[in-house]
Amino acid sequence: MATYLIAVIDVKDVQRYDAEYVAGVQPLIQKHGGRLLVVAESMDVMEGQWPPGRTIVIEFPDAESARAWYSDPDYQPLLKLRLDISAGMLGFADIV
């Protein structure tokens, strides 16, 4: 069953985020069978208040693959970088 990473990331240093984090994370997503579905800089909000930042949706083949990506030793330096230059929310959801 597919698992989706859903994140809203408020990027504080766009230049470093794009040049270092995005460039490094894309091959790791692919390594774990993931594919980027959505990167939205803004949302056309119909109800409520959407948090500021980029909305990102990545599809993984299953929860095991998603968690393997997040815990991959090669991802850990990128995770530290992301946490240093951005703030946000990130979680995994299975299709119901």
PDB file of N, CA and C in Angstrom:
ATOM      1  N   MET A   1       0.845  -1.168   0.000  1.00  0.00           N
ATOM      2  CA  MET A   1       0.000   0.000   0.000  1.00  0.00           C
ATOM      3  C   MET A   1       0.896   1.238   0.000  1.00  0.00           C
ATOM      4  N   ALA A   2       0.631   2.174  -0.884  1.00  0.00           N
ATOM      5  CA  ALA A   2       1.443   3.390  -0.984  1.00  0.00           C
ATOM      6  C   ALA A   2       1.349   4.203   0.304  1.00  0.00           C
ATOM      7  N   THR A   3       2.459   4.854   0.632  1.00  0.00           N
ATOM      8  CA  THR A   3       2.532   5.759   1.770  1.00  0.00           C
ATOM      9  C   THR A   3       2.973   7.117   1.247  1.00  0.00           C
ATOM     10  N   TYR A   4       2.367   8.160   1.777  1.00  0.00           N
ATOM     11  CA  TYR A   4       2.660   9.512   1.327  1.00  0.00           C
ATOM     12  C   TYR A   4       3.309  10.319   2.434  1.00  0.00           C
ATOM     13  N   LEU A   5       4.430  10.955   2.105  1.00  0.00           N
ATOM     14  CA  LEU A   5       5.017  11.940   2.982  1.00  0.00           C
ATOM     15  C   LEU A   5       4.312  13.253   2.651  1.00  0.00           C
ATOM     16  N   ILE A   6       3.792  13.912   3.665  1.00  0.00           N
ATOM     17  CA  ILE A   6       3.155  15.203   3.489  1.00  0.00           C
ATOM     18  C   ILE A   6       3.875  16.174   4.413  1.00  0.00           C
ATOM     19  N   ALA A   7       4.351  17.268   3.844  1.00  0.00           N
ATOM     20  CA  ALA A   7       5.119  18.228   4.623  1.00  0.00           C
ATOM     21  C   ALA A   7       4.737  19.645   4.242  1.00  0.00           C
ATOM     22  N   VAL A   8       4.826  20.521   5.214  1.00  0.00           N
ATOM     23  CA  VAL A   8       4.770  21.960   4.974  1.00  0.00           C
ATOM     24  C   VAL A   8       6.039  22.517   5.602  1.00  0.00           C
ATOM     25  N   ILE A   9       6.894  23.069   4.759  1.00  0.00           N
ATOM     26  CA  ILE A   9       8.212  23.525   5.191  1.00  0.00           C
ATOM     27  C   ILE A   9       8.338  25.022   4.938  1.00  0.00           C
ATOM     28  N   ASP A  10       8.581  25.775   6.006  1.00  0.00           N
ATOM     29  CA  ASP A  10       8.820  27.211   5.907  1.00  0.00           C
ATOM     30  C   ASP A  10      10.335  27.403   5.803  1.00  0.00           C
ATOM     31  N   VAL A  11      10.802  27.671   4.605  1.00  0.00           N
ATOM     32  CA  VAL A  11      12.228  27.745   4.317  1.00  0.00           C
ATOM     33  C   VAL A  11      12.762  29.130   4.691  1.00  0.00           C
ATOM     34  N   LYS A  12      13.778  29.149   5.536  1.00  0.00           N
ATOM     35  CA  LYS A  12      14.387  30.410   5.984  1.00  0.00           C
ATOM     36  C   LYS A  12      15.548  30.841   5.086  1.00  0.00           C
ATOM     37  N   ASP A  13      16.260  29.882   4.499  1.00  0.00           N
ATOM     38  CA  ASP A  13      17.390  30.171   3.611  1.00  0.00           C
ATOM     39  C   ASP A  13      17.138  29.423   2.305  1.00  0.00           C
ATOM     40  N   VAL A  14      16.401  30.065   1.396  1.00  0.00           N
ATOM     41  CA  VAL A  14      15.970  29.410   0.155  1.00  0.00           C
ATOM     42  C   VAL A  14      17.161  28.983  -0.698  1.00  0.00           C
ATOM     43  N   GLN A  15      18.172  29.810  -0.775  1.00  0.00           N
ATOM     44  CA  GLN A  15      19.326  29.491  -1.606  1.00  0.00           C
ATOM     45  C   GLN A  15      19.998  28.187  -1.150  1.00  0.00           C
ATOM     46  N   ARG A  16      20.277  28.061   0.130  1.00  0.00           N
ATOM     47  CA  ARG A  16      20.908  26.832   0.649  1.00  0.00           C
ATOM     48  C   ARG A  16      19.964  25.640   0.563  1.00  0.00           C
ATOM     49  N   TYR A  17      18.707  25.871   0.870  1.00  0.00           N
ATOM     50  CA  TYR A  17      17.720  24.788   0.831  1.00  0.00           C
ATOM     51  C   TYR A  17      17.672  24.178  -0.569  1.00  0.00           C
ATOM     52  N   ASP A  18      17.539  25.038  -1.573  1.00  0.00           N
ATOM     53  CA  ASP A  18      17.437  24.529  -2.944  1.00  0.00           C
ATOM     54  C   ASP A  18      18.757  23.946  -3.440  1.00  0.00           C
ATOM     55  N   ALA A  19      19.864  24.646  -3.170  1.00  0.00           N
ATOM     56  CA  ALA A  19      21.158  24.212  -3.700  1.00  0.00           C
ATOM     57  C   ALA A  19      21.697  22.973  -2.991  1.00  0.00           C
ATOM     58  N   GLU A  20      21.492  22.888  -1.673  1.00  0.00           N
ATOM     59  CA  GLU A  20      22.084  21.788  -0.914  1.00  0.00           C
ATOM     60  C   GLU A  20      21.071  20.699  -0.555  1.00  0.00           C
ATOM     61  N   TYR A  21      19.960  21.089   0.042  1.00  0.00           N
ATOM     62  CA  TYR A  21      19.004  20.087   0.518  1.00  0.00           C
ATOM     63  C   TYR A  21      18.274  19.418  -0.647  1.00  0.00           C
ATOM     64  N   VAL A  22      17.646  20.216  -1.489  1.00  0.00           N
ATOM     65  CA  VAL A  22      16.862  19.636  -2.594  1.00  0.00           C
ATOM     66  C   VAL A  22      17.762  18.814  -3.511  1.00  0.00           C
ATOM     67  N   ALA A  23      18.928  19.353  -3.843  1.00  0.00           N
ATOM     68  CA  ALA A  23      19.847  18.622  -4.727  1.00  0.00           C
ATOM     69  C   ALA A  23      20.278  17.288  -4.120  1.00  0.00           C
ATOM     70  N   GLY A  24      20.478  17.250  -2.812  1.00  0.00           N
ATOM     71  CA  GLY A  24      20.915  16.021  -2.155  1.00  0.00           C
ATOM     72  C   GLY A  24      19.815  15.035  -1.867  1.00  0.00           C
ATOM     73  N   VAL A  25      18.612  15.542  -1.603  1.00  0.00           N
ATOM     74  CA  VAL A  25      17.537  14.651  -1.178  1.00  0.00           C
ATOM     75  C   VAL A  25      16.872  13.919  -2.346  1.00  0.00           C
ATOM     76  N   GLN A  26      16.849  14.517  -3.514  1.00  0.00           N
ATOM     77  CA  GLN A  26      16.146  13.881  -4.633  1.00  0.00           C
ATOM     78  C   GLN A  26      16.686  12.490  -4.979  1.00  0.00           C
ATOM     79  N   PRO A  27      18.002  12.283  -5.068  1.00  0.00           N
ATOM     80  CA  PRO A  27      18.485  10.920  -5.338  1.00  0.00           C
ATOM     81  C   PRO A  27      18.129   9.924  -4.231  1.00  0.00           C
ATOM     82  N   LEU A  28      18.076  10.396  -2.986  1.00  0.00           N
ATOM     83  CA  LEU A  28      17.731   9.497  -1.875  1.00  0.00           C
ATOM     84  C   LEU A  28      16.257   9.111  -1.916  1.00  0.00           C
ATOM     85  N   ILE A  29      15.407  10.033  -2.311  1.00  0.00           N
ATOM     86  CA  ILE A  29      13.989   9.709  -2.477  1.00  0.00           C
ATOM     87  C   ILE A  29      13.848   8.612  -3.526  1.00  0.00           C
ATOM     88  N   GLN A  30      14.516   8.783  -4.654  1.00  0.00           N
ATOM     89  CA  GLN A  30      14.464   7.783  -5.724  1.00  0.00           C
ATOM     90  C   GLN A  30      15.045   6.448  -5.271  1.00  0.00           C
ATOM     91  N   LYS A  31      16.123   6.491  -4.494  1.00  0.00           N
ATOM     92  CA  LYS A  31      16.770   5.268  -3.983  1.00  0.00           C
ATOM     93  C   LYS A  31      15.771   4.406  -3.220  1.00  0.00           C
ATOM     94  N   HIS A  32      14.820   5.029  -2.538  1.00  0.00           N
ATOM     95  CA  HIS A  32      13.842   4.298  -1.732  1.00  0.00           C
ATOM     96  C   HIS A  32      12.493   4.154  -2.439  1.00  0.00           C
ATOM     97  N   GLY A  33      12.501   4.341  -3.753  1.00  0.00           N
ATOM     98  CA  GLY A  33      11.293   4.114  -4.549  1.00  0.00           C
ATOM     99  C   GLY A  33      10.290   5.248  -4.503  1.00  0.00           C
ATOM    100  N   GLY A  34      10.690   6.388  -3.974  1.00  0.00           N
ATOM    101  CA  GLY A  34       9.776   7.510  -3.863  1.00  0.00           C
ATOM    102  C   GLY A  34       9.725   8.342  -5.117  1.00  0.00           C
ATOM    103  N   ARG A  35       8.618   9.066  -5.239  1.00  0.00           N
ATOM    104  CA  ARG A  35       8.521  10.027  -6.341  1.00  0.00           C
ATOM    105  C   ARG A  35       7.792  11.266  -5.852  1.00  0.00           C
ATOM    106  N   LEU A  36       8.346  12.389  -6.230  1.00  0.00           N
ATOM    107  CA  LEU A  36       7.824  13.688  -5.836  1.00  0.00           C
ATOM    108  C   LEU A  36       6.551  13.968  -6.625  1.00  0.00           C
ATOM    109  N   LEU A  37       5.450  14.227  -5.921  1.00  0.00           N
ATOM    110  CA  LEU A  37       4.179  14.503  -6.583  1.00  0.00           C
ATOM    111  C   LEU A  37       3.817  15.983  -6.564  1.00  0.00           C
ATOM    112  N   VAL A  38       4.099  16.662  -5.452  1.00  0.00           N
ATOM    113  CA  VAL A  38       3.673  18.057  -5.293  1.00  0.00           C
ATOM    114  C   VAL A  38       4.766  18.856  -4.603  1.00  0.00           C
ATOM    115  N   VAL A  39       5.078  20.009  -5.169  1.00  0.00           N
ATOM    116  CA  VAL A  39       5.840  21.051  -4.484  1.00  0.00           C
ATOM    117  C   VAL A  39       5.109  22.344  -4.816  1.00  0.00           C
ATOM    118  N   ALA A  40       4.408  22.889  -3.829  1.00  0.00           N
ATOM    119  CA  ALA A  40       3.622  24.103  -4.039  1.00  0.00           C
ATOM    120  C   ALA A  40       4.143  25.206  -3.144  1.00  0.00           C
ATOM    121  N   GLU A  41       4.510  26.318  -3.744  1.00  0.00           N
ATOM    122  CA  GLU A  41       5.002  27.462  -2.978  1.00  0.00           C
ATOM    123  C   GLU A  41       3.874  28.159  -2.222  1.00  0.00           C
ATOM    124  N   SER A  42       2.675  28.050  -2.732  1.00  0.00           N
ATOM    125  CA  SER A  42       1.519  28.661  -2.057  1.00  0.00           C
ATOM    126  C   SER A  42       0.293  27.800  -2.330  1.00  0.00           C
ATOM    127  N   MET A  43      -0.720  27.976  -1.502  1.00  0.00           N
ATOM    128  CA  MET A  43      -1.958  27.212  -1.634  1.00  0.00           C
ATOM    129  C   MET A  43      -3.123  28.173  -1.832  1.00  0.00           C
ATOM    130  N   ASP A  44      -4.073  27.782  -2.646  1.00  0.00           N
ATOM    131  CA  ASP A  44      -5.323  28.517  -2.807  1.00  0.00           C
ATOM    132  C   ASP A  44      -6.269  27.954  -1.750  1.00  0.00           C
ATOM    133  N   VAL A  45      -6.251  28.537  -0.570  1.00  0.00           N
ATOM    134  CA  VAL A  45      -6.945  27.988   0.590  1.00  0.00           C
ATOM    135  C   VAL A  45      -8.433  28.304   0.509  1.00  0.00           C
ATOM    136  N   MET A  46      -9.236  27.269   0.606  1.00  0.00           N
ATOM    137  CA  MET A  46     -10.686  27.407   0.553  1.00  0.00           C
ATOM    138  C   MET A  46     -11.292  27.482   1.951  1.00  0.00           C
ATOM    139  N   GLU A  47     -10.665  26.846   2.910  1.00  0.00           N
ATOM    140  CA  GLU A  47     -11.168  26.843   4.286  1.00  0.00           C
ATOM    141  C   GLU A  47      -9.990  26.863   5.245  1.00  0.00           C
ATOM    142  N   GLY A  48     -10.166  27.516   6.371  1.00  0.00           N
ATOM    143  CA  GLY A  48      -9.159  27.519   7.424  1.00  0.00           C
ATOM    144  C   GLY A  48      -7.926  28.322   7.047  1.00  0.00           C
ATOM    145  N   GLN A  49      -6.858  28.078   7.795  1.00  0.00           N
ATOM    146  CA  GLN A  49      -5.592  28.758   7.549  1.00  0.00           C
ATOM    147  C   GLN A  49      -4.510  27.732   7.268  1.00  0.00           C
ATOM    148  N   TRP A  50      -3.874  27.877   6.124  1.00  0.00           N
ATOM    149  CA  TRP A  50      -2.793  26.975   5.751  1.00  0.00           C
ATOM    150  C   TRP A  50      -1.500  27.519   6.349  1.00  0.00           C
ATOM    151  N   PRO A  51      -0.665  26.658   6.907  1.00  0.00           N
ATOM    152  CA  PRO A  51       0.601  27.150   7.456  1.00  0.00           C
ATOM    153  C   PRO A  51       1.490  27.700   6.336  1.00  0.00           C
ATOM    154  N   PRO A  52       2.339  28.667   6.661  1.00  0.00           N
ATOM    155  CA  PRO A  52       3.230  29.218   5.634  1.00  0.00           C
ATOM    156  C   PRO A  52       4.283  28.199   5.221  1.00  0.00           C
ATOM    157  N   GLY A  53       4.695  28.289   3.977  1.00  0.00           N
ATOM    158  CA  GLY A  53       5.775  27.438   3.498  1.00  0.00           C
ATOM    159  C   GLY A  53       5.401  26.627   2.279  1.00  0.00           C
ATOM    160  N   ARG A  54       6.334  25.802   1.871  1.00  0.00           N
ATOM    161  CA  ARG A  54       6.141  24.905   0.730  1.00  0.00           C
ATOM    162  C   ARG A  54       5.357  23.681   1.183  1.00  0.00           C
ATOM    163  N   THR A  55       4.365  23.313   0.408  1.00  0.00           N
ATOM    164  CA  THR A  55       3.649  22.068   0.652  1.00  0.00           C
ATOM    165  C   THR A  55       4.256  21.023  -0.277  1.00  0.00           C
ATOM    166  N   ILE A  56       4.633  19.883   0.308  1.00  0.00           N
ATOM    167  CA  ILE A  56       5.331  18.838  -0.438  1.00  0.00           C
ATOM    168  C   ILE A  56       4.621  17.509  -0.208  1.00  0.00           C
ATOM    169  N   VAL A  57       4.416  16.763  -1.289  1.00  0.00           N
ATOM    170  CA  VAL A  57       3.850  15.415  -1.193  1.00  0.00           C
ATOM    171  C   VAL A  57       4.768  14.485  -1.983  1.00  0.00           C
ATOM    172  N   ILE A  58       5.229  13.434  -1.314  1.00  0.00           N
ATOM    173  CA  ILE A  58       6.078  12.423  -1.943  1.00  0.00           C
ATOM    174  C   ILE A  58       5.414  11.070  -1.735  1.00  0.00           C
ATOM    175  N   GLU A  59       5.302  10.301  -2.806  1.00  0.00           N
ATOM    176  CA  GLU A  59       4.726   8.959  -2.737  1.00  0.00           C
ATOM    177  C   GLU A  59       5.850   7.930  -2.609  1.00  0.00           C
ATOM    178  N   PHE A  60       5.717   7.041  -1.632  1.00  0.00           N
ATOM    179  CA  PHE A  60       6.615   5.900  -1.478  1.00  0.00           C
ATOM    180  C   PHE A  60       5.802   4.624  -1.688  1.00  0.00           C
ATOM    181  N   PRO A  61       6.438   3.536  -2.104  1.00  0.00           N
ATOM    182  CA  PRO A  61       5.707   2.297  -2.360  1.00  0.00           C
ATOM    183  C   PRO A  61       4.967   1.765  -1.129  1.00  0.00           C
ATOM    184  N   ASP A  62       5.546   2.011   0.065  1.00  0.00           N
ATOM    185  CA  ASP A  62       4.943   1.501   1.298  1.00  0.00           C
ATOM    186  C   ASP A  62       5.578   2.225   2.483  1.00  0.00           C
ATOM    187  N   ALA A  63       5.040   1.979   3.672  1.00  0.00           N
ATOM    188  CA  ALA A  63       5.537   2.644   4.885  1.00  0.00           C
ATOM    189  C   ALA A  63       6.987   2.273   5.170  1.00  0.00           C
ATOM    190  N   GLU A  64       7.341   1.032   4.907  1.00  0.00           N
ATOM    191  CA  GLU A  64       8.715   0.588   5.157  1.00  0.00           C
ATOM    192  C   GLU A  64       9.706   1.399   4.317  1.00  0.00           C
ATOM    193  N   SER A  65       9.387   1.637   3.056  1.00  0.00           N
ATOM    194  CA  SER A  65      10.262   2.423   2.178  1.00  0.00           C
ATOM    195  C   SER A  65      10.363   3.868   2.648  1.00  0.00           C
ATOM    196  N   ALA A  66       9.247   4.432   3.075  1.00  0.00           N
ATOM    197  CA  ALA A  66       9.233   5.814   3.557  1.00  0.00           C
ATOM    198  C   ALA A  66      10.107   5.958   4.802  1.00  0.00           C
ATOM    199  N   ARG A  67       9.949   5.049   5.722  1.00  0.00           N
ATOM    200  CA  ARG A  67      10.742   5.110   6.947  1.00  0.00           C
ATOM    201  C   ARG A  67      12.228   4.812   6.684  1.00  0.00           C
ATOM    202  N   ALA A  68      12.499   3.941   5.720  1.00  0.00           N
ATOM    203  CA  ALA A  68      13.889   3.656   5.350  1.00  0.00           C
ATOM    204  C   ALA A  68      14.546   4.903   4.760  1.00  0.00           C
ATOM    205  N   TRP A  69      13.794   5.670   3.967  1.00  0.00           N
ATOM    206  CA  TRP A  69      14.328   6.928   3.443  1.00  0.00           C
ATOM    207  C   TRP A  69      14.659   7.878   4.593  1.00  0.00           C
ATOM    208  N   TYR A  70      13.722   8.043   5.520  1.00  0.00           N
ATOM    209  CA  TYR A  70      13.913   9.009   6.605  1.00  0.00           C
ATOM    210  C   TYR A  70      15.068   8.609   7.523  1.00  0.00           C
ATOM    211  N   SER A  71      15.272   7.327   7.712  1.00  0.00           N
ATOM    212  CA  SER A  71      16.343   6.872   8.614  1.00  0.00           C
ATOM    213  C   SER A  71      17.640   6.518   7.881  1.00  0.00           C
ATOM    214  N   ASP A  72      17.676   6.676   6.573  1.00  0.00           N
ATOM    215  CA  ASP A  72      18.874   6.379   5.788  1.00  0.00           C
ATOM    216  C   ASP A  72      20.056   7.208   6.330  1.00  0.00           C
ATOM    217  N   PRO A  73      21.185   6.570   6.623  1.00  0.00           N
ATOM    218  CA  PRO A  73      22.345   7.318   7.121  1.00  0.00           C
ATOM    219  C   PRO A  73      22.783   8.452   6.189  1.00  0.00           C
ATOM    220  N   ASP A  74      22.587   8.262   4.897  1.00  0.00           N
ATOM    221  CA  ASP A  74      22.944   9.319   3.945  1.00  0.00           C
ATOM    222  C   ASP A  74      22.000  10.522   4.039  1.00  0.00           C
ATOM    223  N   TYR A  75      20.802  10.314   4.581  1.00  0.00           N
ATOM    224  CA  TYR A  75      19.853  11.417   4.723  1.00  0.00           C
ATOM    225  C   TYR A  75      20.117  12.250   5.981  1.00  0.00           C
ATOM    226  N   GLN A  76      20.752  11.681   6.968  1.00  0.00           N
ATOM    227  CA  GLN A  76      20.893  12.362   8.258  1.00  0.00           C
ATOM    228  C   GLN A  76      21.583  13.732   8.172  1.00  0.00           C
ATOM    229  N   PRO A  77      22.670  13.905   7.407  1.00  0.00           N
ATOM    230  CA  PRO A  77      23.249  15.247   7.279  1.00  0.00           C
ATOM    231  C   PRO A  77      22.294  16.228   6.588  1.00  0.00           C
ATOM    232  N   LEU A  78      21.515  15.724   5.637  1.00  0.00           N
ATOM    233  CA  LEU A  78      20.537  16.575   4.954  1.00  0.00           C
ATOM    234  C   LEU A  78      19.400  16.958   5.898  1.00  0.00           C
ATOM    235  N   LEU A  79      18.986  16.019   6.730  1.00  0.00           N
ATOM    236  CA  LEU A  79      17.955  16.302   7.721  1.00  0.00           C
ATOM    237  C   LEU A  79      18.430  17.398   8.677  1.00  0.00           C
ATOM    238  N   LYS A  80      19.650  17.285   9.141  1.00  0.00           N
ATOM    239  CA  LYS A  80      20.205  18.315  10.027  1.00  0.00           C
ATOM    240  C   LYS A  80      20.209  19.677   9.330  1.00  0.00           C
ATOM    241  N   LEU A  81      20.638  19.697   8.071  1.00  0.00           N
ATOM    242  CA  LEU A  81      20.638  20.932   7.299  1.00  0.00           C
ATOM    243  C   LEU A  81      19.225  21.499   7.204  1.00  0.00           C
ATOM    244  N   ARG A  82      18.256  20.642   6.846  1.00  0.00           N
ATOM    245  CA  ARG A  82      16.865  21.105   6.715  1.00  0.00           C
ATOM    246  C   ARG A  82      16.365  21.690   8.023  1.00  0.00           C
ATOM    247  N   LEU A  83      16.651  21.032   9.115  1.00  0.00           N
ATOM    248  CA  LEU A  83      16.192  21.523  10.416  1.00  0.00           C
ATOM    249  C   LEU A  83      16.877  22.833  10.802  1.00  0.00           C
ATOM    250  N   ASP A  84      18.101  23.034  10.327  1.00  0.00           N
ATOM    251  CA  ASP A  84      18.830  24.272  10.618  1.00  0.00           C
ATOM    252  C   ASP A  84      18.309  25.464   9.818  1.00  0.00           C
ATOM    253  N   ILE A  85      17.819  25.230   8.596  1.00  0.00           N
ATOM    254  CA  ILE A  85      17.459  26.347   7.715  1.00  0.00           C
ATOM    255  C   ILE A  85      15.971  26.432   7.396  1.00  0.00           C
ATOM    256  N   SER A  86      15.166  25.638   8.091  1.00  0.00           N
ATOM    257  CA  SER A  86      13.727  25.682   7.855  1.00  0.00           C
ATOM    258  C   SER A  86      12.987  25.198   9.100  1.00  0.00           C
ATOM    259  N   ALA A  87      11.688  25.397   9.074  1.00  0.00           N
ATOM    260  CA  ALA A  87      10.815  24.880  10.135  1.00  0.00           C
ATOM    261  C   ALA A  87       9.570  24.351   9.452  1.00  0.00           C
ATOM    262  N   GLY A  88       8.945  23.385  10.076  1.00  0.00           N
ATOM    263  CA  GLY A  88       7.730  22.889   9.441  1.00  0.00           C
ATOM    264  C   GLY A  88       7.187  21.643  10.096  1.00  0.00           C
ATOM    265  N   MET A  89       6.325  20.993   9.330  1.00  0.00           N
ATOM    266  CA  MET A  89       5.663  19.764   9.772  1.00  0.00           C
ATOM    267  C   MET A  89       5.886  18.713   8.696  1.00  0.00           C
ATOM    268  N   LEU A  90       6.059  17.458   9.122  1.00  0.00           N
ATOM    269  CA  LEU A  90       6.284  16.367   8.188  1.00  0.00           C
ATOM    270  C   LEU A  90       5.688  15.108   8.789  1.00  0.00           C
ATOM    271  N   GLY A  91       4.973  14.359   7.974  1.00  0.00           N
ATOM    272  CA  GLY A  91       4.413  13.105   8.461  1.00  0.00           C
ATOM    273  C   GLY A  91       4.139  12.157   7.303  1.00  0.00           C
ATOM    274  N   PHE A  92       3.873  10.897   7.646  1.00  0.00           N
ATOM    275  CA  PHE A  92       3.545   9.879   6.666  1.00  0.00           C
ATOM    276  C   PHE A  92       2.089   9.477   6.818  1.00  0.00           C
ATOM    277  N   ALA A  93       1.429   9.219   5.691  1.00  0.00           N
ATOM    278  CA  ALA A  93       0.030   8.783   5.702  1.00  0.00           C
ATOM    279  C   ALA A  93      -0.150   7.669   4.690  1.00  0.00           C
ATOM    280  N   ASP A  94      -0.872   6.623   5.086  1.00  0.00           N
ATOM    281  CA  ASP A  94      -1.220   5.533   4.173  1.00  0.00           C
ATOM    282  C   ASP A  94      -2.552   5.849   3.504  1.00  0.00           C
ATOM    283  N   ILE A  95      -2.744   5.299   2.321  1.00  0.00           N
ATOM    284  CA  ILE A  95      -4.038   5.421   1.637  1.00  0.00           C
ATOM    285  C   ILE A  95      -5.068   4.634   2.435  1.00  0.00           C
ATOM    286  N   VAL A  96      -6.221   5.212   2.612  1.00  0.00           N
ATOM    287  CA  VAL A  96      -7.302   4.545   3.346  1.00  0.00           C
ATOM    288  C   VAL A  96      -8.260   3.908   2.356  1.00  0.00           C
TER     289      VAL A  96
END
